[in-house]
Protein backbone atom coordinates (compact mmCIF):
# COMPACT_ATOMS: atom_id res chain seq x y z
CA UNK A 1 -76.30 -72.46 33.73
CA UNK A 2 -79.05 -74.59 35.24
CA UNK A 3 -79.13 -78.13 33.86
CA UNK A 4 -82.54 -79.51 32.91
CA UNK A 5 -83.39 -83.19 33.41
CA UNK A 6 -82.04 -85.36 30.63
CA UNK A 7 -85.53 -86.36 29.50
CA UNK A 8 -85.73 -82.96 27.83
CA UNK A 9 -82.59 -83.74 25.89
CA UNK A 10 -82.49 -87.36 24.66
CA UNK A 11 -79.27 -86.48 22.84
CA UNK A 12 -76.69 -85.51 25.47
CA UNK A 13 -74.88 -83.29 22.96
CA UNK A 14 -77.38 -80.56 23.85
CA UNK A 15 -76.73 -80.72 27.59
CA UNK A 16 -74.39 -78.13 29.11
CA UNK A 17 -71.41 -79.97 30.52
CA UNK A 18 -71.32 -79.49 34.33
CA UNK A 19 -67.54 -79.14 34.21
CA UNK A 20 -67.95 -75.62 32.81
CA UNK A 21 -69.78 -74.54 35.97
CA UNK A 22 -66.61 -74.96 38.04
CA UNK A 23 -63.66 -72.64 37.75
CA UNK A 24 -60.86 -74.44 35.89
CA UNK A 25 -58.09 -72.23 37.23
CA UNK A 26 -55.38 -74.75 36.43
CA UNK A 27 -56.26 -74.41 32.74
CA UNK A 28 -56.06 -70.62 32.65
CA UNK A 29 -52.29 -70.70 32.32
CA UNK A 30 -52.70 -72.48 28.97
CA UNK A 31 -54.03 -69.20 27.58
CA UNK A 32 -50.48 -67.85 27.67
CA UNK A 33 -49.35 -70.17 24.84
CA UNK A 34 -50.39 -68.23 21.76
CA UNK A 35 -50.14 -68.99 18.06
CA UNK A 36 -47.24 -66.57 17.48
CA UNK A 37 -45.27 -68.32 20.24
CA UNK A 38 -46.12 -71.72 18.79
CA UNK A 39 -45.04 -70.66 15.30
CA UNK A 40 -41.69 -69.46 16.62
CA UNK A 41 -41.12 -72.79 18.37
CA UNK A 42 -41.97 -74.69 15.18
CA UNK A 43 -39.96 -72.31 13.01
CA UNK A 44 -42.96 -71.93 10.73
CA UNK A 45 -45.02 -69.11 9.30
CA UNK A 46 -47.52 -67.68 11.76
CA UNK A 47 -50.23 -67.66 9.11
CA UNK A 48 -49.67 -71.27 8.08
CA UNK A 49 -49.68 -72.47 11.69
CA UNK A 50 -52.93 -70.59 12.32
CA UNK A 51 -54.63 -71.84 9.15
CA UNK A 52 -53.51 -75.40 9.92
CA UNK A 53 -55.05 -75.44 13.40
CA UNK A 54 -57.65 -78.20 13.92
CA UNK A 55 -60.08 -78.87 16.75
CA UNK A 56 -59.00 -82.52 16.95
CA UNK A 57 -55.84 -84.27 15.80
CA UNK A 58 -57.63 -86.37 13.16
CA UNK A 59 -60.25 -83.82 12.17
CA UNK A 60 -60.22 -83.16 8.40
CA UNK A 61 -60.50 -79.53 7.28
CA UNK A 62 -64.08 -78.62 6.43
CA UNK A 63 -63.25 -75.97 3.89
CA UNK A 64 -60.32 -74.92 1.79
CA UNK A 65 -58.59 -71.83 3.15
CA UNK A 66 -57.45 -70.38 -0.17
CA UNK A 67 -59.52 -67.21 0.06
CA UNK A 68 -58.69 -66.73 3.74
CA UNK A 69 -54.98 -67.17 3.04
CA UNK A 70 -55.01 -64.68 0.16
CA UNK A 71 -56.93 -62.16 2.25
CA UNK A 72 -54.67 -62.30 5.30
CA UNK A 73 -51.44 -62.30 3.24
CA UNK A 74 -52.11 -58.68 2.37
CA UNK A 75 -50.52 -57.70 5.71
CA UNK A 76 -47.30 -58.96 7.28
CA UNK A 77 -46.73 -59.25 11.00
CA UNK A 78 -43.82 -56.81 10.78
CA UNK A 79 -46.11 -54.18 9.27
CA UNK A 80 -48.69 -54.75 12.00
CA UNK A 81 -46.12 -54.37 14.77
CA UNK A 82 -44.23 -51.38 13.39
CA UNK A 83 -46.89 -49.35 11.59
CA UNK A 84 -49.23 -47.17 13.62
CA UNK A 85 -52.72 -46.60 12.28
CA UNK A 86 -55.01 -43.65 12.86
CA UNK A 87 -58.15 -45.71 12.47
CA UNK A 88 -59.49 -47.30 15.64
CA UNK A 89 -62.01 -49.92 14.63
CA UNK A 90 -61.79 -52.19 17.68
CA UNK A 91 -63.11 -51.86 21.21
CA UNK A 92 -62.07 -54.13 24.06
CA UNK A 93 -63.92 -54.59 27.35
CA UNK A 94 -62.29 -56.67 30.08
CA UNK A 95 -63.45 -57.41 33.61
CA UNK A 96 -63.89 -60.25 36.08
CA UNK A 97 -66.85 -61.61 37.99
CA UNK A 98 -66.48 -62.56 41.65
CA UNK A 99 -70.04 -63.86 42.07
CA UNK A 100 -70.91 -67.51 42.54
CA UNK A 101 -71.47 -70.02 45.24
CA UNK A 102 -68.25 -71.22 46.84
CA UNK A 103 -67.18 -74.17 48.86
CA UNK A 104 -63.82 -75.85 49.47
CA UNK A 105 -62.16 -73.08 47.45
CA UNK A 106 -64.18 -74.01 44.35
CA UNK A 107 -66.74 -71.99 42.41
CA UNK A 108 -70.02 -73.66 41.56
CA UNK A 109 -72.79 -72.72 39.18
CA UNK A 110 -74.56 -69.44 39.78
CA UNK A 111 -78.18 -68.84 40.50
CA UNK A 112 -78.72 -68.03 36.83
CA UNK A 113 -82.27 -66.73 37.23
CA UNK A 114 -81.12 -64.06 39.67
CA UNK A 115 -77.87 -63.51 37.76
CA UNK A 116 -79.61 -62.71 34.45
CA UNK A 117 -82.18 -60.45 36.15
CA UNK A 118 -79.52 -58.50 38.04
CA UNK A 119 -76.17 -59.08 36.34
CA UNK A 120 -73.22 -57.58 38.23
CA UNK A 121 -71.17 -54.90 36.52
CA UNK A 122 -67.97 -56.81 37.17
CA UNK A 123 -64.67 -55.82 38.74
CA UNK A 124 -61.28 -54.71 37.39
CA UNK A 125 -63.01 -53.04 34.45
CA UNK A 126 -60.87 -51.97 31.51
CA UNK A 127 -62.23 -50.48 28.27
CA UNK A 128 -60.10 -49.29 25.36
CA UNK A 129 -60.54 -48.13 21.77
CA UNK A 130 -57.82 -49.72 19.67
CA UNK A 131 -56.20 -49.76 16.26
CA UNK A 132 -55.01 -53.04 14.76
CA UNK A 133 -51.55 -52.43 16.22
CA UNK A 134 -53.02 -51.57 19.61
CA UNK A 135 -55.22 -54.67 19.55
CA UNK A 136 -52.20 -56.87 18.80
CA UNK A 137 -50.20 -55.29 21.62
CA UNK A 138 -53.06 -55.63 24.10
CA UNK A 139 -53.87 -59.25 23.28
CA UNK A 140 -50.24 -60.36 23.33
CA UNK A 141 -49.97 -59.51 27.03
CA UNK A 142 -49.56 -62.62 29.17
CA UNK A 143 -51.06 -61.32 32.42
CA UNK A 144 -54.73 -61.65 31.54
CA UNK A 145 -55.77 -63.68 34.57
CA UNK A 146 -53.65 -61.87 37.13
CA UNK A 147 -55.01 -58.44 36.13
CA UNK A 148 -58.61 -59.62 36.30
CA UNK A 149 -59.44 -59.84 32.59
CA UNK A 150 -61.33 -63.13 32.84
CA UNK A 151 -64.27 -61.90 30.76
CA UNK A 152 -63.11 -60.29 27.53
CA UNK A 153 -65.34 -58.80 24.83
CA UNK A 154 -63.86 -57.69 21.51
CA UNK A 155 -65.87 -55.61 19.06
CA UNK A 156 -64.41 -55.03 15.58
CA UNK A 157 -66.09 -53.21 12.72
CA UNK A 158 -65.18 -54.21 9.17
CA UNK A 159 -62.38 -56.61 10.24
CA UNK A 160 -59.62 -56.31 7.66
CA UNK A 161 -56.39 -58.36 7.30
CA UNK A 162 -54.63 -56.26 9.96
CA UNK A 163 -57.23 -56.94 12.64
CA UNK A 164 -57.55 -60.60 11.68
CA UNK A 165 -53.77 -61.03 11.87
CA UNK A 166 -53.78 -59.40 15.32
CA UNK A 167 -56.39 -61.94 16.45
CA UNK A 168 -54.57 -64.86 14.82
CA UNK A 169 -51.21 -64.02 16.38
CA UNK A 170 -52.59 -63.66 19.90
CA UNK A 171 -55.16 -66.45 20.07
CA UNK A 172 -54.28 -69.28 22.50
CA UNK A 173 -53.23 -72.44 20.67
CA UNK A 174 -56.10 -74.41 22.21
CA UNK A 175 -58.65 -71.97 20.76
CA UNK A 176 -56.95 -71.35 17.40
CA UNK A 177 -59.05 -73.77 15.34
CA UNK A 178 -62.29 -72.24 16.60
CA UNK A 179 -61.14 -68.70 15.75
CA UNK A 180 -59.82 -69.81 12.34
CA UNK A 181 -63.21 -71.23 11.36
CA UNK A 182 -64.92 -68.10 12.68
CA UNK A 183 -62.78 -65.78 10.57
CA UNK A 184 -63.09 -68.02 7.51
CA UNK A 185 -66.86 -67.71 7.64
CA UNK A 186 -66.56 -63.93 7.80
CA UNK A 187 -64.34 -63.86 4.73
CA UNK A 188 -66.54 -66.34 2.84
CA UNK A 189 -69.84 -64.60 3.74
CA UNK A 190 -71.23 -67.84 5.12
CA UNK A 191 -74.21 -68.49 7.41
CA UNK A 192 -73.56 -70.67 10.46
CA UNK A 193 -74.94 -71.51 13.91
CA UNK A 194 -73.16 -73.99 16.14
CA UNK A 195 -72.02 -75.05 19.59
CA UNK A 196 -68.88 -77.09 20.23
CA UNK A 197 -67.74 -78.85 23.38
CA UNK A 198 -63.98 -79.20 23.21
CA UNK A 199 -61.45 -80.88 25.48
CA UNK A 200 -60.07 -77.41 26.20
CA UNK A 201 -63.41 -75.64 26.67
CA UNK A 202 -66.44 -74.62 24.67
CA UNK A 203 -67.44 -72.36 21.78
CA UNK A 204 -70.75 -70.88 20.66
CA UNK A 205 -70.99 -69.13 17.30
CA UNK A 206 -73.42 -67.62 14.86
CA UNK A 207 -72.88 -65.97 11.48
CA UNK A 208 -75.74 -63.99 9.97
CA UNK A 209 -75.30 -62.64 6.42
CA UNK A 210 -77.96 -60.16 5.34
CA UNK A 211 -78.71 -57.38 2.86
CA UNK A 212 -79.03 -53.66 3.50
CA UNK A 213 -81.00 -51.20 1.35
CA UNK A 214 -79.83 -47.58 1.45
CA UNK A 215 -81.13 -44.44 -0.23
CA UNK A 216 -78.25 -42.10 -1.13
CA UNK A 217 -76.58 -40.16 -3.92
CA UNK A 218 -73.51 -42.37 -4.23
CA UNK A 219 -72.58 -45.93 -3.43
CA UNK A 220 -70.21 -46.84 -0.58
CA UNK A 221 -68.03 -49.81 -1.49
CA UNK A 222 -66.36 -52.20 0.96
CA UNK A 223 -62.65 -51.20 1.10
CA UNK A 224 -61.75 -54.79 2.00
CA UNK A 225 -63.33 -56.19 -1.16
CA UNK A 226 -65.30 -58.81 0.79
CA UNK A 227 -68.85 -57.52 0.35
CA UNK A 228 -70.64 -56.69 -2.87
CA UNK A 229 -72.87 -53.69 -3.45
CA UNK A 230 -74.89 -52.46 -6.37
CA UNK A 231 -77.51 -50.10 -7.72
CA UNK A 232 -81.02 -51.19 -6.79
CA UNK A 233 -82.68 -48.28 -8.57
CA UNK A 234 -86.40 -48.51 -9.32
CA UNK A 235 -87.40 -46.34 -12.31
CA UNK A 236 -89.27 -43.23 -11.20
CA UNK A 237 -91.54 -41.99 -13.96
CA UNK A 238 -92.89 -39.11 -11.93
CA UNK A 239 -92.00 -35.77 -13.47
CA UNK A 240 -92.49 -34.15 -10.05
CA UNK A 241 -89.50 -35.90 -8.54
CA UNK A 242 -86.69 -33.41 -7.99
CA UNK A 243 -84.15 -36.03 -6.93
CA UNK A 244 -84.71 -38.50 -9.74
CA UNK A 245 -81.31 -37.81 -11.29
CA UNK A 246 -79.44 -37.66 -8.00
CA UNK A 247 -80.71 -40.20 -5.44
CA UNK A 248 -80.56 -43.97 -5.87
CA UNK A 249 -81.38 -47.12 -4.00
CA UNK A 250 -78.27 -49.19 -3.27
CA UNK A 251 -78.15 -52.72 -1.89
CA UNK A 252 -75.24 -53.98 0.21
CA UNK A 253 -74.07 -57.31 1.51
CA UNK A 254 -73.34 -57.30 5.26
CA UNK A 255 -72.73 -59.79 8.04
CA UNK A 256 -73.00 -60.02 11.82
CA UNK A 257 -70.62 -62.49 13.46
CA UNK A 258 -70.32 -63.60 17.08
CA UNK A 259 -68.08 -66.18 18.70
CA UNK A 260 -67.92 -66.92 22.43
CA UNK A 261 -65.04 -69.22 23.28
CA UNK A 262 -63.81 -70.10 26.74
CA UNK A 263 -62.64 -72.52 29.38
CA UNK A 264 -65.55 -72.20 31.81
CA UNK A 265 -68.40 -69.86 32.73
CA UNK A 266 -65.96 -67.34 34.22
CA UNK A 267 -63.06 -67.33 31.78
CA UNK A 268 -64.08 -66.63 28.19
CA UNK A 269 -63.67 -64.32 25.19
CA UNK A 270 -66.38 -62.95 22.92
CA UNK A 271 -65.51 -61.86 19.39
CA UNK A 272 -68.16 -59.64 17.82
CA UNK A 273 -67.64 -58.42 14.24
CA UNK A 274 -69.97 -56.41 12.03
CA UNK A 275 -69.87 -54.76 8.62
CA UNK A 276 -70.48 -51.00 8.58
CA UNK A 277 -69.22 -49.91 5.16
CA UNK A 278 -72.80 -49.26 4.00
CA UNK A 279 -73.09 -46.35 6.41
CA UNK A 280 -73.97 -47.89 9.77
CA UNK A 281 -73.51 -45.76 12.89
CA UNK A 282 -72.76 -48.84 15.03
CA UNK A 283 -69.07 -48.10 15.25
CA UNK A 284 -66.46 -49.09 17.81
CA UNK A 285 -65.92 -45.44 18.68
CA UNK A 286 -69.64 -44.88 19.27
CA UNK A 287 -69.92 -47.85 21.63
CA UNK A 288 -66.74 -46.90 23.43
CA UNK A 289 -67.74 -43.27 23.93
CA UNK A 290 -71.21 -44.21 25.18
CA UNK A 291 -69.79 -46.87 27.51
CA UNK A 292 -72.27 -49.42 26.18
CA UNK A 293 -72.07 -53.08 25.21
CA UNK A 294 -71.84 -53.67 21.45
CA UNK A 295 -72.87 -57.38 21.30
CA UNK A 296 -76.25 -56.63 22.86
CA UNK A 297 -76.92 -53.53 20.81
CA UNK A 298 -75.84 -50.78 23.15
CA UNK A 299 -77.33 -51.89 26.47
CA UNK A 300 -75.33 -51.12 29.58
């Protein structure tokens, strides 16, 4: 990412750190230490270790995790590992990018203007449609860098406790606090936009709650119990209406959530979660079958 002169940013917090423009290959191995491994070493509950993760040693928790804890306790790790599910609500896209200016065996910042106009498709491409069990199995693999999965995009529709537990178990310890806060905001239906520069990398996140109005004969409730819905009927006094006793207007809560967390501009993970229980056709299966990119709305 091109760095503008500092006069445009009096506060240096808003300047992209140049260290992210160089490949930090020595740090990639840290991705192998995941929360489930850390919990086993500590002899503690996976969920409690994940919920206790903080960005900094002395950072106080911003929010209480009571609702998050109750939500994720609905599923145990043993059930996730041993129980196969027929529903495939997650799509994973992995690949690597060999572009960039090189010198002395180091990678330097790209020509971003040309890169964004003509982005490369990437190499070592792998795309899969996954259940919660399949997502857990895939993310627990420790060969991400060696098999060329530097850039990872995860799309999950209606993330329930099973999918959240799969993410929590497999997240690298250094990124656990960022993912915990991301999932908490999904559960709590909370708006958020933020960028964090961490000792172990960076994170960029937005949470956008919104309302959906649908015209149908019956209401579709959220099976997770996270989002509310209700009748938004407007009285129709017209005697000519044939559907007055059958069709209704229903309003639904929904949320779009995106987190990009990584070590540098080459090695990162994007988590993209949406609610579809109101009848959306933006499903993981649809994006997977069309070979399109969910976070940017189906572009290739």
